[in-house]
Amino acid sequence: MGEDNLEADLDDLLTELDDQTALFIIQNPNFLGELEDLQGIENAVKDVGALFCVISNPITLGA
């Protein structure tokens, strides 16, 4: 992440999780149409005791 990079680095975001994190929200597929490893993300979020929310648009999934 940074001023020169508009794309979020998921690994960098996950390192920011701590006991002060209440909720982690992710759009899947992401803006670029890529699917993320939701199980791995969910495990990291739950490890710090936070809630995990996935926002999906069924049309982008071919429904």
PDB file of N, CA and C in Angstrom:
ATOM      1  N   MET A   1       0.838  -1.167   0.000  1.00  0.00           N
ATOM      2  CA  MET A   1       0.000   0.000   0.000  1.00  0.00           C
ATOM      3  C   MET A   1       0.888   1.237   0.000  1.00  0.00           C
ATOM      4  N   GLY A   2       0.359   2.319  -0.470  1.00  0.00           N
ATOM      5  CA  GLY A   2       1.106   3.556  -0.483  1.00  0.00           C
ATOM      6  C   GLY A   2       0.567   4.492  -1.535  1.00  0.00           C
ATOM      7  N   GLU A   3       1.150   5.678  -1.590  1.00  0.00           N
ATOM      8  CA  GLU A   3       0.673   6.688  -2.533  1.00  0.00           C
ATOM      9  C   GLU A   3       0.879   6.273  -3.977  1.00  0.00           C
ATOM     10  N   ASP A   4       1.959   5.551  -4.263  1.00  0.00           N
ATOM     11  CA  ASP A   4       2.262   5.169  -5.637  1.00  0.00           C
ATOM     12  C   ASP A   4       1.543   3.898  -6.063  1.00  0.00           C
ATOM     13  N   ASN A   5       0.972   3.181  -5.121  1.00  0.00           N
ATOM     14  CA  ASN A   5       0.325   1.908  -5.419  1.00  0.00           C
ATOM     15  C   ASN A   5      -1.103   1.952  -4.905  1.00  0.00           C
ATOM     16  N   LEU A   6      -2.059   1.934  -5.817  1.00  0.00           N
ATOM     17  CA  LEU A   6      -3.464   1.999  -5.419  1.00  0.00           C
ATOM     18  C   LEU A   6      -4.029   0.633  -5.068  1.00  0.00           C
ATOM     19  N   GLU A   7      -3.270  -0.425  -5.327  1.00  0.00           N
ATOM     20  CA  GLU A   7      -3.722  -1.776  -5.038  1.00  0.00           C
ATOM     21  C   GLU A   7      -3.300  -2.171  -3.620  1.00  0.00           C
ATOM     22  N   ALA A   8      -4.246  -2.647  -2.840  1.00  0.00           N
ATOM     23  CA  ALA A   8      -3.943  -3.061  -1.468  1.00  0.00           C
ATOM     24  C   ALA A   8      -3.216  -4.400  -1.490  1.00  0.00           C
ATOM     25  N   ASP A   9      -2.172  -4.514  -0.704  1.00  0.00           N
ATOM     26  CA  ASP A   9      -1.457  -5.775  -0.551  1.00  0.00           C
ATOM     27  C   ASP A   9      -2.087  -6.499   0.627  1.00  0.00           C
ATOM     28  N   LEU A  10      -2.768  -7.585   0.343  1.00  0.00           N
ATOM     29  CA  LEU A  10      -3.510  -8.297   1.375  1.00  0.00           C
ATOM     30  C   LEU A  10      -2.599  -8.788   2.495  1.00  0.00           C
ATOM     31  N   ASP A  11      -1.408  -9.244   2.141  1.00  0.00           N
ATOM     32  CA  ASP A  11      -0.477  -9.707   3.175  1.00  0.00           C
ATOM     33  C   ASP A  11      -0.111  -8.570   4.129  1.00  0.00           C
ATOM     34  N   ASP A  12       0.093  -7.365   3.583  1.00  0.00           N
ATOM     35  CA  ASP A  12       0.385  -6.203   4.434  1.00  0.00           C
ATOM     36  C   ASP A  12      -0.796  -5.885   5.344  1.00  0.00           C
ATOM     37  N   LEU A  13      -2.011  -5.957   4.788  1.00  0.00           N
ATOM     38  CA  LEU A  13      -3.196  -5.683   5.600  1.00  0.00           C
ATOM     39  C   LEU A  13      -3.322  -6.678   6.742  1.00  0.00           C
ATOM     40  N   LEU A  14      -3.058  -7.949   6.466  1.00  0.00           N
ATOM     41  CA  LEU A  14      -3.207  -8.973   7.501  1.00  0.00           C
ATOM     42  C   LEU A  14      -2.194  -8.797   8.628  1.00  0.00           C
ATOM     43  N   THR A  15      -1.033  -8.223   8.334  1.00  0.00           N
ATOM     44  CA  THR A  15      -0.048  -7.992   9.401  1.00  0.00           C
ATOM     45  C   THR A  15      -0.499  -6.880  10.339  1.00  0.00           C
ATOM     46  N   GLU A  16      -1.460  -6.078   9.912  1.00  0.00           N
ATOM     47  CA  GLU A  16      -1.981  -4.989  10.746  1.00  0.00           C
ATOM     48  C   GLU A  16      -3.051  -5.463  11.730  1.00  0.00           C
ATOM     49  N   LEU A  17      -3.505  -6.709  11.602  1.00  0.00           N
ATOM     50  CA  LEU A  17      -4.518  -7.232  12.518  1.00  0.00           C
ATOM     51  C   LEU A  17      -3.940  -7.365  13.920  1.00  0.00           C
ATOM     52  N   ASP A  18      -4.702  -6.938  14.919  1.00  0.00           N
ATOM     53  CA  ASP A  18      -4.301  -7.131  16.307  1.00  0.00           C
ATOM     54  C   ASP A  18      -5.544  -7.184  17.184  1.00  0.00           C
ATOM     55  N   ASP A  19      -5.350  -7.188  18.496  1.00  0.00           N
ATOM     56  CA  ASP A  19      -6.493  -7.318  19.406  1.00  0.00           C
ATOM     57  C   ASP A  19      -7.378  -6.074  19.423  1.00  0.00           C
ATOM     58  N   GLN A  20      -6.961  -5.022  18.717  1.00  0.00           N
ATOM     59  CA  GLN A  20      -7.784  -3.820  18.584  1.00  0.00           C
ATOM     60  C   GLN A  20      -8.674  -3.862  17.334  1.00  0.00           C
ATOM     61  N   THR A  21      -8.499  -4.891  16.509  1.00  0.00           N
ATOM     62  CA  THR A  21      -9.298  -5.045  15.292  1.00  0.00           C
ATOM     63  C   THR A  21     -10.653  -5.632  15.662  1.00  0.00           C
ATOM     64  N   ALA A  22     -11.728  -4.942  15.282  1.00  0.00           N
ATOM     65  CA  ALA A  22     -13.082  -5.416  15.587  1.00  0.00           C
ATOM     66  C   ALA A  22     -13.714  -6.123  14.393  1.00  0.00           C
ATOM     67  N   LEU A  23     -13.421  -5.648  13.180  1.00  0.00           N
ATOM     68  CA  LEU A  23     -14.095  -6.155  11.990  1.00  0.00           C
ATOM     69  C   LEU A  23     -13.178  -6.026  10.784  1.00  0.00           C
ATOM     70  N   PHE A  24     -13.145  -7.067   9.967  1.00  0.00           N
ATOM     71  CA  PHE A  24     -12.390  -7.051   8.710  1.00  0.00           C
ATOM     72  C   PHE A  24     -13.385  -7.315   7.594  1.00  0.00           C
ATOM     73  N   ILE A  25     -13.506  -6.373   6.655  1.00  0.00           N
ATOM     74  CA  ILE A  25     -14.449  -6.498   5.542  1.00  0.00           C
ATOM     75  C   ILE A  25     -13.660  -6.624   4.243  1.00  0.00           C
ATOM     76  N   ILE A  26     -14.069  -7.580   3.408  1.00  0.00           N
ATOM     77  CA  ILE A  26     -13.407  -7.769   2.120  1.00  0.00           C
ATOM     78  C   ILE A  26     -14.459  -7.949   1.035  1.00  0.00           C
ATOM     79  N   GLN A  27     -14.167  -7.424  -0.137  1.00  0.00           N
ATOM     80  CA  GLN A  27     -15.019  -7.620  -1.307  1.00  0.00           C
ATOM     81  C   GLN A  27     -14.426  -8.773  -2.105  1.00  0.00           C
ATOM     82  N   ASN A  28     -15.253  -9.749  -2.454  1.00  0.00           N
ATOM     83  CA  ASN A  28     -14.756 -10.904  -3.186  1.00  0.00           C
ATOM     84  C   ASN A  28     -15.761 -11.313  -4.245  1.00  0.00           C
ATOM     85  N   PRO A  29     -15.408 -11.332  -5.545  1.00  0.00           N
ATOM     86  CA  PRO A  29     -14.091 -10.992  -6.070  1.00  0.00           C
ATOM     87  C   PRO A  29     -13.766  -9.519  -5.835  1.00  0.00           C
ATOM     88  N   ASN A  30     -12.451  -9.230  -5.837  1.00  0.00           N
ATOM     89  CA  ASN A  30     -12.039  -7.852  -5.575  1.00  0.00           C
ATOM     90  C   ASN A  30     -12.342  -6.962  -6.780  1.00  0.00           C
ATOM     91  N   PHE A  31     -11.981  -5.706  -6.710  1.00  0.00           N
ATOM     92  CA  PHE A  31     -12.271  -4.733  -7.766  1.00  0.00           C
ATOM     93  C   PHE A  31     -11.709  -5.174  -9.112  1.00  0.00           C
ATOM     94  N   LEU A  32     -10.595  -5.904  -9.082  1.00  0.00           N
ATOM     95  CA  LEU A  32      -9.955  -6.356 -10.316  1.00  0.00           C
ATOM     96  C   LEU A  32     -10.509  -7.687 -10.814  1.00  0.00           C
ATOM     97  N   GLY A  33     -11.502  -8.240 -10.104  1.00  0.00           N
ATOM     98  CA  GLY A  33     -12.108  -9.505 -10.507  1.00  0.00           C
ATOM     99  C   GLY A  33     -11.375 -10.734 -10.008  1.00  0.00           C
ATOM    100  N   GLU A  34     -10.395 -10.552  -9.147  1.00  0.00           N
ATOM    101  CA  GLU A  34      -9.613 -11.669  -8.616  1.00  0.00           C
ATOM    102  C   GLU A  34     -10.277 -12.220  -7.359  1.00  0.00           C
ATOM    103  N   LEU A  35     -10.240 -13.539  -7.220  1.00  0.00           N
ATOM    104  CA  LEU A  35     -10.766 -14.188  -6.017  1.00  0.00           C
ATOM    105  C   LEU A  35      -9.651 -14.309  -4.988  1.00  0.00           C
ATOM    106  N   GLU A  36      -9.972 -14.013  -3.749  1.00  0.00           N
ATOM    107  CA  GLU A  36      -8.995 -14.093  -2.659  1.00  0.00           C
ATOM    108  C   GLU A  36      -9.151 -15.418  -1.915  1.00  0.00           C
ATOM    109  N   ASP A  37      -8.111 -15.814  -1.182  1.00  0.00           N
ATOM    110  CA  ASP A  37      -8.141 -17.008  -0.340  1.00  0.00           C
ATOM    111  C   ASP A  37      -8.910 -16.675   0.933  1.00  0.00           C
ATOM    112  N   LEU A  38     -10.221 -16.841   0.884  1.00  0.00           N
ATOM    113  CA  LEU A  38     -11.061 -16.435   2.015  1.00  0.00           C
ATOM    114  C   LEU A  38     -10.794 -17.252   3.270  1.00  0.00           C
ATOM    115  N   GLN A  39     -10.507 -18.538   3.128  1.00  0.00           N
ATOM    116  CA  GLN A  39     -10.282 -19.371   4.311  1.00  0.00           C
ATOM    117  C   GLN A  39      -9.047 -18.903   5.076  1.00  0.00           C
ATOM    118  N   GLY A  40      -7.977 -18.609   4.354  1.00  0.00           N
ATOM    119  CA  GLY A  40      -6.759 -18.125   5.004  1.00  0.00           C
ATOM    120  C   GLY A  40      -6.964 -16.782   5.684  1.00  0.00           C
ATOM    121  N   ILE A  41      -7.709 -15.901   5.022  1.00  0.00           N
ATOM    122  CA  ILE A  41      -7.999 -14.588   5.596  1.00  0.00           C
ATOM    123  C   ILE A  41      -8.874 -14.747   6.831  1.00  0.00           C
ATOM    124  N   GLU A  42      -9.905 -15.580   6.719  1.00  0.00           N
ATOM    125  CA  GLU A  42     -10.809 -15.804   7.858  1.00  0.00           C
ATOM    126  C   GLU A  42     -10.041 -16.322   9.070  1.00  0.00           C
ATOM    127  N   ASN A  43      -9.134 -17.257   8.854  1.00  0.00           N
ATOM    128  CA  ASN A  43      -8.352 -17.800   9.967  1.00  0.00           C
ATOM    129  C   ASN A  43      -7.532 -16.711  10.650  1.00  0.00           C
ATOM    130  N   ALA A  44      -6.888 -15.850   9.861  1.00  0.00           N
ATOM    131  CA  ALA A  44      -6.073 -14.771  10.431  1.00  0.00           C
ATOM    132  C   ALA A  44      -6.933 -13.792  11.219  1.00  0.00           C
ATOM    133  N   VAL A  45      -8.112 -13.481  10.690  1.00  0.00           N
ATOM    134  CA  VAL A  45      -9.010 -12.536  11.359  1.00  0.00           C
ATOM    135  C   VAL A  45      -9.542 -13.131  12.659  1.00  0.00           C
ATOM    136  N   LYS A  46      -9.957 -14.382  12.612  1.00  0.00           N
ATOM    137  CA  LYS A  46     -10.501 -15.025  13.812  1.00  0.00           C
ATOM    138  C   LYS A  46      -9.431 -15.230  14.881  1.00  0.00           C
ATOM    139  N   ASP A  47      -8.174 -15.381  14.462  1.00  0.00           N
ATOM    140  CA  ASP A  47      -7.082 -15.546  15.428  1.00  0.00           C
ATOM    141  C   ASP A  47      -6.947 -14.341  16.355  1.00  0.00           C
ATOM    142  N   VAL A  48      -7.339 -13.154  15.878  1.00  0.00           N
ATOM    143  CA  VAL A  48      -7.262 -11.958  16.725  1.00  0.00           C
ATOM    144  C   VAL A  48      -8.608 -11.634  17.357  1.00  0.00           C
ATOM    145  N   GLY A  49      -9.603 -12.495  17.130  1.00  0.00           N
ATOM    146  CA  GLY A  49     -10.910 -12.314  17.758  1.00  0.00           C
ATOM    147  C   GLY A  49     -11.817 -11.311  17.071  1.00  0.00           C
ATOM    148  N   ALA A  50     -11.533 -11.007  15.811  1.00  0.00           N
ATOM    149  CA  ALA A  50     -12.346 -10.033  15.075  1.00  0.00           C
ATOM    150  C   ALA A  50     -13.423 -10.740  14.255  1.00  0.00           C
ATOM    151  N   LEU A  51     -14.421  -9.969  13.846  1.00  0.00           N
ATOM    152  CA  LEU A  51     -15.455 -10.467  12.947  1.00  0.00           C
ATOM    153  C   LEU A  51     -14.951 -10.379  11.513  1.00  0.00           C
ATOM    154  N   PHE A  52     -15.450 -11.279  10.655  1.00  0.00           N
ATOM    155  CA  PHE A  52     -15.040 -11.336   9.252  1.00  0.00           C
ATOM    156  C   PHE A  52     -16.276 -11.207   8.379  1.00  0.00           C
ATOM    157  N   CYS A  53     -16.286 -10.230   7.485  1.00  0.00           N
ATOM    158  CA  CYS A  53     -17.438  -9.971   6.618  1.00  0.00           C
ATOM    159  C   CYS A  53     -16.983  -9.990   5.162  1.00  0.00           C
ATOM    160  N   VAL A  54     -17.688 -10.772   4.334  1.00  0.00           N
ATOM    161  CA  VAL A  54     -17.397 -10.834   2.904  1.00  0.00           C
ATOM    162  C   VAL A  54     -18.557 -10.202   2.148  1.00  0.00           C
ATOM    163  N   ILE A  55     -18.241  -9.258   1.286  1.00  0.00           N
ATOM    164  CA  ILE A  55     -19.243  -8.617   0.445  1.00  0.00           C
ATOM    165  C   ILE A  55     -19.063  -9.151  -0.969  1.00  0.00           C
ATOM    166  N   SER A  56     -20.133  -9.713  -1.536  1.00  0.00           N
ATOM    167  CA  SER A  56     -20.073 -10.273  -2.885  1.00  0.00           C
ATOM    168  C   SER A  56     -21.241  -9.778  -3.714  1.00  0.00           C
ATOM    169  N   ASN A  57     -20.991  -9.625  -4.997  1.00  0.00           N
ATOM    170  CA  ASN A  57     -22.027  -9.290  -5.954  1.00  0.00           C
ATOM    171  C   ASN A  57     -22.252 -10.537  -6.804  1.00  0.00           C
ATOM    172  N   PRO A  58     -23.411 -11.182  -6.697  1.00  0.00           N
ATOM    173  CA  PRO A  58     -23.652 -12.432  -7.432  1.00  0.00           C
ATOM    174  C   PRO A  58     -23.447 -12.300  -8.938  1.00  0.00           C
ATOM    175  N   ILE A  59     -23.683 -11.138  -9.496  1.00  0.00           N
ATOM    176  CA  ILE A  59     -23.515 -10.951 -10.938  1.00  0.00           C
ATOM    177  C   ILE A  59     -22.054 -11.144 -11.340  1.00  0.00           C
ATOM    178  N   THR A  60     -21.117 -10.706 -10.484  1.00  0.00           N
ATOM    179  CA  THR A  60     -19.698 -10.864 -10.801  1.00  0.00           C
ATOM    180  C   THR A  60     -19.253 -12.311 -10.662  1.00  0.00           C
ATOM    181  N   LEU A  61     -20.073 -13.141 -10.031  1.00  0.00           N
ATOM    182  CA  LEU A  61     -19.752 -14.559  -9.865  1.00  0.00           C
ATOM    183  C   LEU A  61     -20.397 -15.412 -10.954  1.00  0.00           C
ATOM    184  N   GLY A  62     -21.041 -14.765 -11.919  1.00  0.00           N
ATOM    185  CA  GLY A  62     -21.655 -15.494 -13.017  1.00  0.00           C
ATOM    186  C   GLY A  62     -23.079 -15.928 -12.763  1.00  0.00           C
ATOM    187  N   ALA A  63     -23.709 -15.389 -11.729  1.00  0.00           N
ATOM    188  CA  ALA A  63     -25.086 -15.788 -11.413  1.00  0.00           C
ATOM    189  C   ALA A  63     -26.074 -15.065 -12.294  1.00  0.00           C
TER     190      ALA A  63
END
